[in-house]
Amino acid sequence: MGVEQPHVLFVEDDPVIRETTQMSLERDGFRVTVADDGRAGWEAFRQQRPDAVLLDVLLPEMNGVSLCRRIRQDDLTPVVMLTARDDPVDIVVGLEEGADDYVTKPFDSAVLIARIRAVLRRADAGRPASGNEPLRFGDVQIDPEGVRVLRGGEPVALTPTEMRLLLRFAEEPGTVLGRDVLLESVWDYAWGGDTRVVDVHVQRLRNKIGTDRIETVRGFGYKLVSEGP
């Protein structure tokens, strides 16, 4: 019995990019569903529930940011955004709406495939072996085995990338972790990447677990504050 192919929903209105990227993904072992506008992408997502979503920012009918926001309303499926230009506004807005990563056009298919595989690995949230005790940091409780977070006894909904980021901080509470360290250990970047993806995810994580729980150490990085309320 063969290994199940990861299923990627690819939403892109440019037919050339859509077809060539689909072929590259399929050659690399993915099962691909395509859609050519945002509304069609949303319907395909609802019906098929793929393992990951790859979507362009500039889509007709419903743009990629709006589609990402809709997906994130009740689903944690990994999302990678495509943007036609290295525009900080496009990138940051997409990440703030819940995208796990982004790739700028034109892109190398090998890089894109590596990014998709990385978000799929993060979707497992690095589940540790059984026997791990819950971790407590103030009013935040982390259950590594169940991949669950509580704040003040109430569940906190984290995306897979946010969960992996929190678990990385929890490995070394009180230790300052640089952006490059986080890029490598959370996003699987073995080479330098854009640190904006780190900053936006840290801000999103702060909004969910408490703004004082993760401290910025200017010029060095971030650390998880292990004491306090």
C-alpha atoms as a PDB file:
ATOM      1  CA  MET A   1       0.000   0.000   0.000  1.00  0.00           C
ATOM      2  CA  GLY A   2       1.583   3.297  -1.096  1.00  0.00           C
ATOM      3  CA  VAL A   3       2.076   6.411   0.963  1.00  0.00           C
ATOM      4  CA  GLU A   4      -0.862   8.776   0.714  1.00  0.00           C
ATOM      5  CA  GLN A   5      -0.142  11.823  -1.424  1.00  0.00           C
ATOM      6  CA  PRO A   6      -0.409  15.192   0.340  1.00  0.00           C
ATOM      7  CA  HIS A   7      -3.358  17.106  -1.106  1.00  0.00           C
ATOM      8  CA  VAL A   8      -2.729  20.757  -2.036  1.00  0.00           C
ATOM      9  CA  LEU A   9      -5.396  23.225  -3.117  1.00  0.00           C
ATOM     10  CA  PHE A  10      -3.797  25.738  -5.500  1.00  0.00           C
ATOM     11  CA  VAL A  11      -5.747  28.940  -6.181  1.00  0.00           C
ATOM     12  CA  GLU A  12      -4.241  31.006  -9.020  1.00  0.00           C
ATOM     13  CA  ASP A  13      -5.855  33.003 -11.820  1.00  0.00           C
ATOM     14  CA  ASP A  14      -2.857  33.014 -14.192  1.00  0.00           C
ATOM     15  CA  PRO A  15      -3.321  29.891 -16.356  1.00  0.00           C
ATOM     16  CA  VAL A  16       0.386  29.521 -17.188  1.00  0.00           C
ATOM     17  CA  ILE A  17       1.516  29.702 -13.554  1.00  0.00           C
ATOM     18  CA  ARG A  18      -1.384  27.483 -12.503  1.00  0.00           C
ATOM     19  CA  GLU A  19      -0.630  24.736 -15.015  1.00  0.00           C
ATOM     20  CA  THR A  20       3.174  24.721 -14.727  1.00  0.00           C
ATOM     21  CA  THR A  21       3.066  24.797 -10.920  1.00  0.00           C
ATOM     22  CA  GLN A  22       0.468  22.043 -10.822  1.00  0.00           C
ATOM     23  CA  MET A  23       2.696  19.860 -12.983  1.00  0.00           C
ATOM     24  CA  SER A  24       5.721  20.546 -10.744  1.00  0.00           C
ATOM     25  CA  LEU A  25       3.762  19.674  -7.619  1.00  0.00           C
ATOM     26  CA  GLU A  26       2.352  16.493  -9.122  1.00  0.00           C
ATOM     27  CA  ARG A  27       5.797  15.404 -10.299  1.00  0.00           C
ATOM     28  CA  ASP A  28       6.966  15.799  -6.713  1.00  0.00           C
ATOM     29  CA  GLY A  29       4.253  13.532  -5.340  1.00  0.00           C
ATOM     30  CA  PHE A  30       1.434  15.924  -4.452  1.00  0.00           C
ATOM     31  CA  ARG A  31      -2.213  15.551  -5.352  1.00  0.00           C
ATOM     32  CA  VAL A  32      -3.374  18.935  -6.600  1.00  0.00           C
ATOM     33  CA  THR A  33      -6.779  20.584  -6.901  1.00  0.00           C
ATOM     34  CA  VAL A  34      -6.797  23.911  -8.745  1.00  0.00           C
ATOM     35  CA  ALA A  35      -9.159  26.874  -8.768  1.00  0.00           C
ATOM     36  CA  ASP A  36      -8.919  30.077 -10.800  1.00  0.00           C
ATOM     37  CA  ASP A  37     -10.579  32.572  -8.467  1.00  0.00           C
ATOM     38  CA  GLY A  38     -11.170  33.118  -4.768  1.00  0.00           C
ATOM     39  CA  ARG A  39     -14.795  32.006  -4.630  1.00  0.00           C
ATOM     40  CA  ALA A  40     -14.046  28.809  -6.532  1.00  0.00           C
ATOM     41  CA  GLY A  41     -11.117  28.270  -4.170  1.00  0.00           C
ATOM     42  CA  TRP A  42     -13.380  28.639  -1.134  1.00  0.00           C
ATOM     43  CA  GLU A  43     -15.880  26.126  -2.506  1.00  0.00           C
ATOM     44  CA  ALA A  44     -13.094  23.675  -3.318  1.00  0.00           C
ATOM     45  CA  PHE A  45     -11.695  24.102   0.188  1.00  0.00           C
ATOM     46  CA  ARG A  46     -15.072  23.472   1.838  1.00  0.00           C
ATOM     47  CA  GLN A  47     -15.733  20.381  -0.245  1.00  0.00           C
ATOM     48  CA  GLN A  48     -12.308  18.758  -0.210  1.00  0.00           C
ATOM     49  CA  ARG A  49     -10.504  19.899   2.958  1.00  0.00           C
ATOM     50  CA  PRO A  50      -6.960  19.693   1.540  1.00  0.00           C
ATOM     51  CA  ASP A  51      -3.797  19.191   3.575  1.00  0.00           C
ATOM     52  CA  ALA A  52      -2.440  22.603   2.551  1.00  0.00           C
ATOM     53  CA  VAL A  53      -3.535  25.655   0.569  1.00  0.00           C
ATOM     54  CA  LEU A  54      -1.374  27.604  -1.875  1.00  0.00           C
ATOM     55  CA  LEU A  55      -3.036  30.827  -2.961  1.00  0.00           C
ATOM     56  CA  ASP A  56      -2.220  33.982  -4.873  1.00  0.00           C
ATOM     57  CA  VAL A  57      -2.825  37.352  -3.218  1.00  0.00           C
ATOM     58  CA  LEU A  58      -4.338  39.023  -6.300  1.00  0.00           C
ATOM     59  CA  LEU A  59      -7.333  36.859  -7.172  1.00  0.00           C
ATOM     60  CA  PRO A  60     -10.620  37.801  -8.857  1.00  0.00           C
ATOM     61  CA  GLU A  61     -13.967  37.432  -7.047  1.00  0.00           C
ATOM     62  CA  MET A  62     -12.320  37.091  -3.616  1.00  0.00           C
ATOM     63  CA  ASN A  63      -8.691  38.060  -3.083  1.00  0.00           C
ATOM     64  CA  GLY A  64      -6.195  35.771  -1.418  1.00  0.00           C
ATOM     65  CA  VAL A  65      -6.122  37.682   1.856  1.00  0.00           C
ATOM     66  CA  SER A  66      -9.915  37.461   2.184  1.00  0.00           C
ATOM     67  CA  LEU A  67      -9.845  33.772   1.323  1.00  0.00           C
ATOM     68  CA  CYS A  68      -7.136  33.150   3.916  1.00  0.00           C
ATOM     69  CA  ARG A  69      -9.205  35.034   6.511  1.00  0.00           C
ATOM     70  CA  ARG A  70     -12.252  32.919   5.712  1.00  0.00           C
ATOM     71  CA  ILE A  71     -10.274  29.683   5.985  1.00  0.00           C
ATOM     72  CA  ARG A  72      -8.845  30.795   9.321  1.00  0.00           C
ATOM     73  CA  GLN A  73     -12.278  31.454  10.817  1.00  0.00           C
ATOM     74  CA  ASP A  74     -12.631  27.812  11.778  1.00  0.00           C
ATOM     75  CA  ASP A  75      -9.773  25.829  10.258  1.00  0.00           C
ATOM     76  CA  LEU A  76      -6.028  25.439  10.856  1.00  0.00           C
ATOM     77  CA  THR A  77      -5.046  24.052   7.441  1.00  0.00           C
ATOM     78  CA  PRO A  78      -1.586  25.399   6.511  1.00  0.00           C
ATOM     79  CA  VAL A  79      -1.673  28.312   4.046  1.00  0.00           C
ATOM     80  CA  VAL A  80       1.164  29.571   1.827  1.00  0.00           C
ATOM     81  CA  MET A  81       0.568  32.880   0.045  1.00  0.00           C
ATOM     82  CA  LEU A  82       1.964  33.862  -3.365  1.00  0.00           C
ATOM     83  CA  THR A  83       2.596  37.526  -4.053  1.00  0.00           C
ATOM     84  CA  ALA A  84       3.592  39.043  -7.391  1.00  0.00           C
ATOM     85  CA  ARG A  85       5.861  41.608  -5.771  1.00  0.00           C
ATOM     86  CA  ASP A  86       8.005  41.789  -2.688  1.00  0.00           C
ATOM     87  CA  ASP A  87       5.598  44.292  -1.142  1.00  0.00           C
ATOM     88  CA  PRO A  88       5.823  44.491   2.672  1.00  0.00           C
ATOM     89  CA  VAL A  89       2.148  45.474   2.885  1.00  0.00           C
ATOM     90  CA  ASP A  90       0.959  42.414   0.915  1.00  0.00           C
ATOM     91  CA  ILE A  91       3.232  40.140   2.906  1.00  0.00           C
ATOM     92  CA  VAL A  92       2.411  41.439   6.360  1.00  0.00           C
ATOM     93  CA  VAL A  93      -1.346  41.622   5.730  1.00  0.00           C
ATOM     94  CA  GLY A  94      -1.352  38.021   4.479  1.00  0.00           C
ATOM     95  CA  LEU A  95       0.584  36.822   7.503  1.00  0.00           C
ATOM     96  CA  GLU A  96      -1.623  38.772   9.895  1.00  0.00           C
ATOM     97  CA  GLU A  97      -4.695  37.064   8.447  1.00  0.00           C
ATOM     98  CA  GLY A  98      -3.244  33.666   9.289  1.00  0.00           C
ATOM     99  CA  ALA A  99      -0.946  32.616   6.430  1.00  0.00           C
ATOM    100  CA  ASP A 100       1.881  30.383   7.623  1.00  0.00           C
ATOM    101  CA  ASP A 101       4.401  31.447   4.993  1.00  0.00           C
ATOM    102  CA  TYR A 102       4.705  33.248   1.673  1.00  0.00           C
ATOM    103  CA  VAL A 103       6.655  33.019  -1.581  1.00  0.00           C
ATOM    104  CA  THR A 104       7.240  35.914  -3.986  1.00  0.00           C
ATOM    105  CA  LYS A 105       6.875  35.603  -7.750  1.00  0.00           C
ATOM    106  CA  PRO A 106       8.748  34.666  -9.824  1.00  0.00           C
ATOM    107  CA  PHE A 107       9.626  31.626  -7.729  1.00  0.00           C
ATOM    108  CA  ASP A 108      11.763  28.539  -8.129  1.00  0.00           C
ATOM    109  CA  SER A 109       9.560  25.440  -8.034  1.00  0.00           C
ATOM    110  CA  ALA A 110      12.032  23.614  -5.784  1.00  0.00           C
ATOM    111  CA  VAL A 111      11.856  26.438  -3.232  1.00  0.00           C
ATOM    112  CA  LEU A 112       8.051  26.486  -3.376  1.00  0.00           C
ATOM    113  CA  ILE A 113       7.845  22.729  -2.868  1.00  0.00           C
ATOM    114  CA  ALA A 114      10.257  22.952   0.077  1.00  0.00           C
ATOM    115  CA  ARG A 115       8.065  25.635   1.682  1.00  0.00           C
ATOM    116  CA  ILE A 116       4.926  23.533   1.226  1.00  0.00           C
ATOM    117  CA  ARG A 117       6.591  20.466   2.714  1.00  0.00           C
ATOM    118  CA  ALA A 118       7.770  22.577   5.643  1.00  0.00           C
ATOM    119  CA  VAL A 119       4.260  23.827   6.476  1.00  0.00           C
ATOM    120  CA  LEU A 120       2.957  20.273   6.211  1.00  0.00           C
ATOM    121  CA  ARG A 121       5.559  19.155   8.742  1.00  0.00           C
ATOM    122  CA  ARG A 122       4.561  22.016  11.002  1.00  0.00           C
ATOM    123  CA  ALA A 123       0.931  20.914  10.710  1.00  0.00           C
ATOM    124  CA  ASP A 124       1.923  17.940  12.846  1.00  0.00           C
ATOM    125  CA  ALA A 125       3.106  20.526  15.408  1.00  0.00           C
ATOM    126  CA  GLY A 126       6.083  18.322  16.155  1.00  0.00           C
ATOM    127  CA  ARG A 127       4.038  16.106  18.442  1.00  0.00           C
ATOM    128  CA  PRO A 128       6.411  14.868  21.138  1.00  0.00           C
ATOM    129  CA  ALA A 129       6.467  11.344  22.465  1.00  0.00           C
ATOM    130  CA  SER A 130       3.899  10.447  25.088  1.00  0.00           C
ATOM    131  CA  GLY A 131       4.672  11.108  28.715  1.00  0.00           C
ATOM    132  CA  ASN A 132       5.336  14.853  28.435  1.00  0.00           C
ATOM    133  CA  GLU A 133       3.851  16.779  31.331  1.00  0.00           C
ATOM    134  CA  PRO A 134       1.903  19.996  30.737  1.00  0.00           C
ATOM    135  CA  LEU A 135       4.038  23.135  30.918  1.00  0.00           C
ATOM    136  CA  ARG A 136       2.938  26.227  32.842  1.00  0.00           C
ATOM    137  CA  PHE A 137       4.016  29.808  32.286  1.00  0.00           C
ATOM    138  CA  GLY A 138       1.892  32.126  34.405  1.00  0.00           C
ATOM    139  CA  ASP A 139      -1.720  31.630  33.331  1.00  0.00           C
ATOM    140  CA  VAL A 140      -0.642  29.798  30.167  1.00  0.00           C
ATOM    141  CA  GLN A 141      -0.660  25.995  30.168  1.00  0.00           C
ATOM    142  CA  ILE A 142       0.818  24.008  27.271  1.00  0.00           C
ATOM    143  CA  ASP A 143       0.007  20.348  26.735  1.00  0.00           C
ATOM    144  CA  PRO A 144       2.735  19.197  24.289  1.00  0.00           C
ATOM    145  CA  GLU A 145       1.327  15.689  23.903  1.00  0.00           C
ATOM    146  CA  GLY A 146      -2.204  16.840  23.155  1.00  0.00           C
ATOM    147  CA  VAL A 147      -0.931  19.911  21.277  1.00  0.00           C
ATOM    148  CA  ARG A 148      -3.282  22.095  23.302  1.00  0.00           C
ATOM    149  CA  VAL A 149      -2.907  25.483  24.983  1.00  0.00           C
ATOM    150  CA  LEU A 150      -5.011  27.003  27.756  1.00  0.00           C
ATOM    151  CA  ARG A 151      -4.942  30.565  29.009  1.00  0.00           C
ATOM    152  CA  GLY A 152      -6.681  31.164  32.301  1.00  0.00           C
ATOM    153  CA  GLY A 153      -8.274  27.747  31.856  1.00  0.00           C
ATOM    154  CA  GLU A 154      -9.773  28.654  28.484  1.00  0.00           C
ATOM    155  CA  PRO A 155      -8.609  26.958  25.259  1.00  0.00           C
ATOM    156  CA  VAL A 156      -6.501  29.028  22.872  1.00  0.00           C
ATOM    157  CA  ALA A 157      -6.766  28.288  19.144  1.00  0.00           C
ATOM    158  CA  LEU A 158      -3.286  28.341  17.627  1.00  0.00           C
ATOM    159  CA  THR A 159      -2.332  27.612  14.054  1.00  0.00           C
ATOM    160  CA  PRO A 160       0.229  24.815  13.567  1.00  0.00           C
ATOM    161  CA  THR A 161       2.990  27.387  13.026  1.00  0.00           C
ATOM    162  CA  GLU A 162       2.007  29.359  16.128  1.00  0.00           C
ATOM    163  CA  MET A 163       1.969  26.142  18.143  1.00  0.00           C
ATOM    164  CA  ARG A 164       5.391  25.139  16.933  1.00  0.00           C
ATOM    165  CA  LEU A 165       6.703  28.633  17.689  1.00  0.00           C
ATOM    166  CA  LEU A 166       5.321  28.478  21.241  1.00  0.00           C
ATOM    167  CA  LEU A 167       6.769  25.014  21.798  1.00  0.00           C
ATOM    168  CA  ARG A 168      10.166  26.297  20.609  1.00  0.00           C
ATOM    169  CA  PHE A 169      10.032  29.142  23.127  1.00  0.00           C
ATOM    170  CA  ALA A 170       8.932  26.697  25.821  1.00  0.00           C
ATOM    171  CA  GLU A 171      12.027  24.556  25.214  1.00  0.00           C
ATOM    172  CA  GLU A 172      14.170  27.394  26.585  1.00  0.00           C
ATOM    173  CA  PRO A 173      12.051  29.730  28.700  1.00  0.00           C
ATOM    174  CA  GLY A 174      13.876  32.931  29.602  1.00  0.00           C
ATOM    175  CA  THR A 175      16.427  32.400  26.822  1.00  0.00           C
ATOM    176  CA  VAL A 176      16.618  34.982  24.056  1.00  0.00           C
ATOM    177  CA  LEU A 177      16.071  33.317  20.670  1.00  0.00           C
ATOM    178  CA  GLY A 178      17.196  35.240  17.606  1.00  0.00           C
ATOM    179  CA  ARG A 179      15.061  35.541  14.502  1.00  0.00           C
ATOM    180  CA  ASP A 180      17.493  33.390  12.492  1.00  0.00           C
ATOM    181  CA  VAL A 181      17.296  30.649  15.137  1.00  0.00           C
ATOM    182  CA  LEU A 182      13.489  30.744  14.995  1.00  0.00           C
ATOM    183  CA  LEU A 183      13.462  30.731  11.188  1.00  0.00           C
ATOM    184  CA  GLU A 184      15.596  27.597  11.162  1.00  0.00           C
ATOM    185  CA  SER A 185      13.868  25.700  13.966  1.00  0.00           C
ATOM    186  CA  VAL A 186      10.232  26.696  13.289  1.00  0.00           C
ATOM    187  CA  TRP A 187      10.107  27.433   9.557  1.00  0.00           C
ATOM    188  CA  ASP A 188      12.805  24.903   8.564  1.00  0.00           C
ATOM    189  CA  TYR A 189      14.845  27.555   6.758  1.00  0.00           C
ATOM    190  CA  ALA A 190      18.393  26.245   6.594  1.00  0.00           C
ATOM    191  CA  TRP A 191      19.337  29.522   4.907  1.00  0.00           C
ATOM    192  CA  GLY A 192      18.561  33.143   5.702  1.00  0.00           C
ATOM    193  CA  GLY A 193      14.937  34.087   5.170  1.00  0.00           C
ATOM    194  CA  ASP A 194      12.786  37.161   5.608  1.00  0.00           C
ATOM    195  CA  THR A 195      12.471  37.778   9.340  1.00  0.00           C
ATOM    196  CA  ARG A 196       9.123  39.559   8.895  1.00  0.00           C
ATOM    197  CA  VAL A 197       7.467  36.154   9.022  1.00  0.00           C
ATOM    198  CA  VAL A 198       8.888  35.702  12.538  1.00  0.00           C
ATOM    199  CA  ASP A 199       7.860  39.145  13.763  1.00  0.00           C
ATOM    200  CA  VAL A 200       4.269  38.816  12.552  1.00  0.00           C
ATOM    201  CA  HIS A 201       3.827  35.339  14.020  1.00  0.00           C
ATOM    202  CA  VAL A 202       5.268  36.465  17.360  1.00  0.00           C
ATOM    203  CA  GLN A 203       2.778  39.345  17.413  1.00  0.00           C
ATOM    204  CA  ARG A 204      -0.118  37.005  16.619  1.00  0.00           C
ATOM    205  CA  LEU A 205       1.037  34.614  19.336  1.00  0.00           C
ATOM    206  CA  ARG A 206       1.265  37.484  21.841  1.00  0.00           C
ATOM    207  CA  ASN A 207      -2.290  38.524  21.043  1.00  0.00           C
ATOM    208  CA  LYS A 208      -3.460  35.025  21.960  1.00  0.00           C
ATOM    209  CA  ILE A 209      -1.404  34.139  25.033  1.00  0.00           C
ATOM    210  CA  GLY A 210      -0.791  37.625  26.470  1.00  0.00           C
ATOM    211  CA  THR A 211       1.263  40.530  25.221  1.00  0.00           C
ATOM    212  CA  ASP A 212       3.651  40.352  28.201  1.00  0.00           C
ATOM    213  CA  ARG A 213       4.308  36.635  27.890  1.00  0.00           C
ATOM    214  CA  ILE A 214       6.831  37.027  25.036  1.00  0.00           C
ATOM    215  CA  GLU A 215       9.367  39.784  25.532  1.00  0.00           C
ATOM    216  CA  THR A 216      11.269  41.588  22.782  1.00  0.00           C
ATOM    217  CA  VAL A 217      14.986  41.975  23.452  1.00  0.00           C
ATOM    218  CA  ARG A 218      15.846  44.744  21.036  1.00  0.00           C
ATOM    219  CA  GLY A 219      18.609  43.851  18.630  1.00  0.00           C
ATOM    220  CA  PHE A 220      18.690  40.197  19.694  1.00  0.00           C
ATOM    221  CA  GLY A 221      15.299  38.511  19.422  1.00  0.00           C
ATOM    222  CA  TYR A 222      12.531  37.255  21.696  1.00  0.00           C
ATOM    223  CA  LYS A 223      12.165  35.254  24.889  1.00  0.00           C
ATOM    224  CA  LEU A 224       9.320  33.534  26.705  1.00  0.00           C
ATOM    225  CA  VAL A 225       8.696  35.067  30.131  1.00  0.00           C
ATOM    226  CA  SER A 226       8.271  32.151  32.515  1.00  0.00           C
ATOM    227  CA  GLU A 227       7.190  34.088  35.586  1.00  0.00           C
ATOM    228  CA  GLY A 228       4.373  36.506  36.329  1.00  0.00           C
ATOM    229  CA  PRO A 229       0.574  36.265  36.295  1.00  0.00           C
END
